[in-house]
Amino acid sequence: MKWSRWNPFLPFGREKADVVRILEGILAGSLDCREWGNFVDIPMKGTPDLEEIRKACQALEAEESMDNDGRILHTERARAELQRLLDGLRKNA
């Protein structure tokens, strides 16, 4: 597995741009399971709109799998939902 981009000492940001980056990465297939796990598993207190997006992503867990390189993959239905969430974030930027 390749974990070179993951840094456990660099906390995940809690701004809209950080969530956009995470969603773009997951849709591009460039995010590994640790990055995605940090996003979906850690509540985003103080940012209710971003917390709702995090929860929506967390709800897609049943439709995800991991490849041999540790990247998270989603079903087509889940990818469509992730794209919808990303489009909504970009629209409200």
C-alpha atoms as a PDB file:
ATOM      1  CA  MET A   1       0.000   0.000   0.000  1.00  0.00           C
ATOM      2  CA  LYS A   2       1.093   3.559  -0.673  1.00  0.00           C
ATOM      3  CA  TRP A   3       0.669   5.989   2.235  1.00  0.00           C
ATOM      4  CA  SER A   4       3.181   8.643   1.218  1.00  0.00           C
ATOM      5  CA  ARG A   5       0.709  11.543   1.112  1.00  0.00           C
ATOM      6  CA  TRP A   6      -0.853  10.813   4.484  1.00  0.00           C
ATOM      7  CA  ASN A   7       0.556  12.678   7.456  1.00  0.00           C
ATOM      8  CA  PRO A   8      -1.003  11.843  10.851  1.00  0.00           C
ATOM      9  CA  PHE A   9       0.440  15.032  12.338  1.00  0.00           C
ATOM     10  CA  LEU A  10      -1.291  17.303   9.837  1.00  0.00           C
ATOM     11  CA  PRO A  11      -4.932  17.659  10.953  1.00  0.00           C
ATOM     12  CA  PHE A  12      -7.698  17.750   8.389  1.00  0.00           C
ATOM     13  CA  GLY A  13      -8.824  21.321   7.758  1.00  0.00           C
ATOM     14  CA  ARG A  14     -12.357  22.360   8.527  1.00  0.00           C
ATOM     15  CA  GLU A  15     -12.979  24.971   5.839  1.00  0.00           C
ATOM     16  CA  LYS A  16     -15.172  24.678   2.762  1.00  0.00           C
ATOM     17  CA  ALA A  17     -12.063  24.535   0.545  1.00  0.00           C
ATOM     18  CA  ASP A  18     -10.797  21.528   2.521  1.00  0.00           C
ATOM     19  CA  VAL A  19     -14.064  19.655   2.005  1.00  0.00           C
ATOM     20  CA  VAL A  20     -14.015  20.521  -1.705  1.00  0.00           C
ATOM     21  CA  ARG A  21     -10.467  19.116  -1.915  1.00  0.00           C
ATOM     22  CA  ILE A  22     -11.523  15.905  -0.144  1.00  0.00           C
ATOM     23  CA  LEU A  23     -14.547  15.390  -2.407  1.00  0.00           C
ATOM     24  CA  GLU A  24     -12.498  16.122  -5.535  1.00  0.00           C
ATOM     25  CA  GLY A  25      -9.870  13.643  -4.362  1.00  0.00           C
ATOM     26  CA  ILE A  26     -12.328  10.873  -3.631  1.00  0.00           C
ATOM     27  CA  LEU A  27     -14.013  11.330  -7.016  1.00  0.00           C
ATOM     28  CA  ALA A  28     -10.625  11.363  -8.783  1.00  0.00           C
ATOM     29  CA  GLY A  29      -9.628   8.157  -6.992  1.00  0.00           C
ATOM     30  CA  SER A  30      -6.562   9.787  -5.472  1.00  0.00           C
ATOM     31  CA  LEU A  31      -7.597   9.675  -1.807  1.00  0.00           C
ATOM     32  CA  ASP A  32      -6.464   6.860   0.434  1.00  0.00           C
ATOM     33  CA  CYS A  33      -8.518   5.262   3.178  1.00  0.00           C
ATOM     34  CA  ARG A  34      -6.865   7.216   6.000  1.00  0.00           C
ATOM     35  CA  GLU A  35      -7.601  10.596   4.451  1.00  0.00           C
ATOM     36  CA  TRP A  36     -11.192   9.621   3.760  1.00  0.00           C
ATOM     37  CA  GLY A  37     -11.556   8.061   7.207  1.00  0.00           C
ATOM     38  CA  ASN A  38     -10.324  11.242   8.887  1.00  0.00           C
ATOM     39  CA  PHE A  39     -12.942  13.196   6.998  1.00  0.00           C
ATOM     40  CA  VAL A  40     -15.974  10.956   7.531  1.00  0.00           C
ATOM     41  CA  ASP A  41     -15.178   9.849  11.095  1.00  0.00           C
ATOM     42  CA  ILE A  42     -14.299  13.160  12.792  1.00  0.00           C
ATOM     43  CA  PRO A  43     -17.279  15.471  13.461  1.00  0.00           C
ATOM     44  CA  MET A  44     -17.003  19.021  12.155  1.00  0.00           C
ATOM     45  CA  LYS A  45     -18.301  20.913  15.168  1.00  0.00           C
ATOM     46  CA  GLY A  46     -19.014  24.577  14.608  1.00  0.00           C
ATOM     47  CA  THR A  47     -19.674  24.182  10.882  1.00  0.00           C
ATOM     48  CA  PRO A  48     -23.214  22.763  10.586  1.00  0.00           C
ATOM     49  CA  ASP A  49     -23.359  22.979   6.775  1.00  0.00           C
ATOM     50  CA  LEU A  50     -20.081  21.073   6.393  1.00  0.00           C
ATOM     51  CA  GLU A  51     -21.098  18.628   9.127  1.00  0.00           C
ATOM     52  CA  GLU A  52     -24.198  17.738   7.079  1.00  0.00           C
ATOM     53  CA  ILE A  53     -21.976  16.998   4.076  1.00  0.00           C
ATOM     54  CA  ARG A  54     -19.695  14.854   6.250  1.00  0.00           C
ATOM     55  CA  LYS A  55     -22.701  12.896   7.534  1.00  0.00           C
ATOM     56  CA  ALA A  56     -24.014  12.426   3.993  1.00  0.00           C
ATOM     57  CA  CYS A  57     -20.615  11.023   2.981  1.00  0.00           C
ATOM     58  CA  GLN A  58     -20.527   8.802   6.052  1.00  0.00           C
ATOM     59  CA  ALA A  59     -23.948   7.410   5.096  1.00  0.00           C
ATOM     60  CA  LEU A  60     -22.427   6.100   1.839  1.00  0.00           C
ATOM     61  CA  GLU A  61     -20.147   3.683   3.720  1.00  0.00           C
ATOM     62  CA  ALA A  62     -22.079   0.625   2.543  1.00  0.00           C
ATOM     63  CA  GLU A  63     -21.303   1.625  -1.045  1.00  0.00           C
ATOM     64  CA  GLU A  64     -17.541   1.924  -0.716  1.00  0.00           C
ATOM     65  CA  SER A  65     -14.621  -0.460  -0.993  1.00  0.00           C
ATOM     66  CA  MET A  66     -10.855  -0.199  -0.906  1.00  0.00           C
ATOM     67  CA  ASP A  67      -8.441  -1.148  -3.680  1.00  0.00           C
ATOM     68  CA  ASN A  68      -5.016  -2.734  -3.195  1.00  0.00           C
ATOM     69  CA  ASP A  69      -3.349   0.684  -2.945  1.00  0.00           C
ATOM     70  CA  GLY A  70      -5.585   1.810  -0.080  1.00  0.00           C
ATOM     71  CA  ARG A  71      -7.740   4.125  -2.178  1.00  0.00           C
ATOM     72  CA  ILE A  72     -11.451   4.307  -1.473  1.00  0.00           C
ATOM     73  CA  LEU A  73     -13.798   3.438  -4.335  1.00  0.00           C
ATOM     74  CA  HIS A  74     -17.552   4.066  -4.485  1.00  0.00           C
ATOM     75  CA  THR A  75     -20.417   2.615  -6.487  1.00  0.00           C
ATOM     76  CA  GLU A  76     -21.800   4.693  -9.341  1.00  0.00           C
ATOM     77  CA  ARG A  77     -24.797   5.727  -7.243  1.00  0.00           C
ATOM     78  CA  ALA A  78     -22.526   6.880  -4.418  1.00  0.00           C
ATOM     79  CA  ARG A  79     -20.247   8.702  -6.870  1.00  0.00           C
ATOM     80  CA  ALA A  80     -23.279  10.556  -8.232  1.00  0.00           C
ATOM     81  CA  GLU A  81     -24.224  11.603  -4.685  1.00  0.00           C
ATOM     82  CA  LEU A  82     -20.654  12.728  -3.940  1.00  0.00           C
ATOM     83  CA  GLN A  83     -20.648  14.755  -7.154  1.00  0.00           C
ATOM     84  CA  ARG A  84     -23.969  16.341  -6.192  1.00  0.00           C
ATOM     85  CA  LEU A  85     -22.517  17.324  -2.801  1.00  0.00           C
ATOM     86  CA  LEU A  86     -19.402  18.750  -4.463  1.00  0.00           C
ATOM     87  CA  ASP A  87     -21.456  20.709  -7.001  1.00  0.00           C
ATOM     88  CA  GLY A  88     -23.538  22.165  -4.169  1.00  0.00           C
ATOM     89  CA  LEU A  89     -20.427  23.297  -2.325  1.00  0.00           C
ATOM     90  CA  ARG A  90     -18.986  24.918  -5.445  1.00  0.00           C
ATOM     91  CA  LYS A  91     -22.295  26.623  -6.216  1.00  0.00           C
ATOM     92  CA  ASN A  92     -22.416  28.179  -2.750  1.00  0.00           C
ATOM     93  CA  ALA A  93     -18.790  29.337  -2.832  1.00  0.00           C
END
